Amino acid sequence: MSNLLDAVDSSKFEPPPDAVDFYVESLKLLKESGIPFLLSGTYALACFTGITRPTKDLDVFCKPSDAPRILAFFKERGYGIEVEDVRWIGKVWQGEHFFDVIFNISSASIPITDEWFQDAYEAEVYGTTVRVTPPTHFILSKLFLQTRYRYDGADIVHAILIKHEEIDWKWLLSSMELYWEVLLINILNFRFVYPTERDLIPRWLYDELLERLRNQDEMPPASIKICRGRLISPTDYVVDVTEWGFADVVGKGVDEKHERPQHH
């Protein structure tokens, strides 16, 4: 499937004036590199829903094996590069401006794979036609962002509302096999936000997730106390694993430059 989306009015993102040239050149070079990538984040949201908001960077998604290739490509052209966290993200810098090179859903360890590139969604952004994260994968990329300072639930429900016919619910459920409760939380959130539109999410998905909930409730409590909170907010649940005796399921290191826990 190939979908050519409307061109994005880049001025609506209110980027810093001196950053526009960096974004224009970065997208041109990414296209020139021939390395597969997807533009995601705020730009993908605008392509699917028309919603725009100020942003100060670009989110570029690629496969884990292609991230070093993108970073090396820009390094050879005089840009600064950074491997912020070898598990999920690098950065390309020019002065104070940068774009993220993301190859994994950081806390959940769900890598970007060839499947993310099967459906082609394209849009013109800053004068270059680029591939955009498909709606299904865009939703997946947002499911674990639930912190005090950033919650992307509105992006998810807006994408479902506008692009529900193009969402591959079976693929999304399969990708969230270990984290199906997070998917359930978000589709219930959609149901709450849009009570008259609840049928836009297939009935079988509700039935499947609610059956999993019932089956889980029949199981005895686990022997080891687990806190999975850091999957959705690495900083807000530190006390649970450092003081309250819960086992952690995700490791977040300390940013040596700023001596603080890293977070998405």
Foldseek 3Di string as FASTA:
>chain_A
DAAEFEADPQVLQVEDPVCLVVVLVLLVLVVVLVAAKAWADQVLLCRQQVDHYHDHETEIEHALVCVVVSQVSVVVVPWDKADQDNQFWIWTHDVPGIYIYGAALRFPGQGDDCVQVPYFYWHQYSRDIHTHGDLQVNLVSQLQADDPVDHCLVSNLSSCVRPLVPHPVVVSCVSCVVPVVSVVVSLVVSCVVCVVCNVSDPPVSVVVSVVVVVVVVVDDDDPAAADANCSRPVPPCPCCVPPVRHDYDGDFDARPVVRHTDTD
